[in-house]
Amino acid sequence: MATLCIPLHGRATPQPAGFKVALWRDDTQTALDWFKAGMTASAPSGLNLGVVMGADFPALTGNLARNLRENRVGVLSAVLTRD
């Protein structure tokens, strides 16, 4: 399995460029919960992200949800500061 950024190593990556990590949070479970809730909800009406993203949006989000469930990708929230 290829990894783009190992979490512990990834946190150190911005520091040599002068950034300080103010927040580094794994939000993968939050994303999984969001997808799970969205799959049980009825389809939104009117203007929504699917309308903006186009006809492939269901396939794209389905692929992302599957990759999250299979631990192939993760969701990282980070806040970096620089003096």
Protein backbone atom coordinates (compact mmCIF):
# COMPACT_ATOMS: atom_id res chain seq x y z
CA MET A 1 0.00 0.00 0.00
CA ALA A 2 1.44 3.36 -1.00
CA THR A 3 1.38 6.17 1.52
CA LEU A 4 1.70 9.83 0.57
CA CYS A 5 2.32 11.07 4.08
CA ILE A 6 2.85 9.05 7.23
CA PRO A 7 0.97 10.93 9.99
CA LEU A 8 3.82 11.20 12.48
CA HIS A 9 6.32 12.15 9.80
CA GLY A 10 3.84 14.46 8.10
CA ARG A 11 3.46 16.59 11.20
CA ALA A 12 7.16 17.45 11.11
CA THR A 13 7.08 18.34 7.40
CA PRO A 14 5.91 22.00 7.70
CA GLN A 15 8.27 22.83 10.57
CA PRO A 16 11.49 23.22 8.53
CA ALA A 17 9.63 25.78 6.39
CA GLY A 18 9.04 27.93 9.48
CA PHE A 19 5.52 26.79 10.34
CA LYS A 20 4.35 25.83 13.79
CA VAL A 21 1.57 23.31 14.26
CA ALA A 22 -1.34 24.86 16.18
CA LEU A 23 -3.76 22.02 15.41
CA TRP A 24 -3.17 18.56 13.95
CA ARG A 25 -6.29 16.39 14.09
CA ASP A 26 -7.26 13.15 12.39
CA ASP A 27 -10.85 13.69 11.26
CA THR A 28 -11.18 10.41 9.39
CA GLN A 29 -13.84 9.03 11.75
CA THR A 30 -15.80 12.28 11.49
CA ALA A 31 -15.78 11.93 7.70
CA LEU A 32 -16.86 8.28 7.94
CA ASP A 33 -19.73 9.27 10.23
CA TRP A 34 -20.73 12.04 7.79
CA PHE A 35 -20.83 9.61 4.87
CA LYS A 36 -22.80 7.08 6.92
CA ALA A 37 -25.39 9.73 7.88
CA GLY A 38 -25.59 10.95 4.30
CA MET A 39 -26.25 7.48 2.93
CA THR A 40 -29.29 7.04 5.18
CA ALA A 41 -30.70 10.52 4.52
CA SER A 42 -32.96 11.32 1.60
CA ALA A 43 -31.45 13.02 -1.43
CA PRO A 44 -31.25 16.80 -1.02
CA SER A 45 -33.46 18.91 -3.21
CA GLY A 46 -32.55 22.18 -4.84
CA LEU A 47 -29.03 23.49 -5.09
CA ASN A 48 -26.49 21.19 -3.46
CA LEU A 49 -22.89 20.06 -3.91
CA GLY A 50 -23.95 17.31 -6.32
CA VAL A 51 -25.43 19.91 -8.67
CA VAL A 52 -22.21 21.93 -8.61
CA MET A 53 -19.86 18.94 -9.00
CA GLY A 54 -21.79 17.30 -11.83
CA ALA A 55 -23.12 13.91 -12.79
CA ASP A 56 -20.03 12.02 -11.56
CA PHE A 57 -20.44 13.29 -8.00
CA PRO A 58 -22.16 10.15 -6.63
CA ALA A 59 -19.38 7.95 -8.01
CA LEU A 60 -16.68 10.28 -6.68
CA THR A 61 -18.13 10.42 -3.19
CA GLY A 62 -18.76 6.67 -3.24
CA ASN A 63 -15.09 6.07 -4.08
CA LEU A 64 -13.96 8.41 -1.32
CA ALA A 65 -16.24 6.74 1.24
CA ARG A 66 -14.99 3.29 0.24
CA ASN A 67 -11.34 4.40 0.45
CA LEU A 68 -11.97 5.90 3.91
CA ARG A 69 -13.59 2.66 5.10
CA GLU A 70 -10.67 0.63 3.72
CA ASN A 71 -8.09 2.93 5.39
CA ARG A 72 -6.59 3.88 2.03
CA VAL A 73 -7.04 7.60 2.71
CA GLY A 74 -7.63 9.75 5.75
CA VAL A 75 -8.87 13.21 6.56
CA LEU A 76 -6.50 15.59 8.29
CA SER A 77 -7.41 18.97 9.76
CA ALA A 78 -4.39 21.16 10.39
CA VAL A 79 -3.81 24.75 11.39
CA LEU A 80 -0.30 26.04 10.84
CA THR A 81 1.05 29.39 11.94
CA ARG A 82 4.10 31.29 10.86
CA ASP A 83 5.73 34.19 12.67
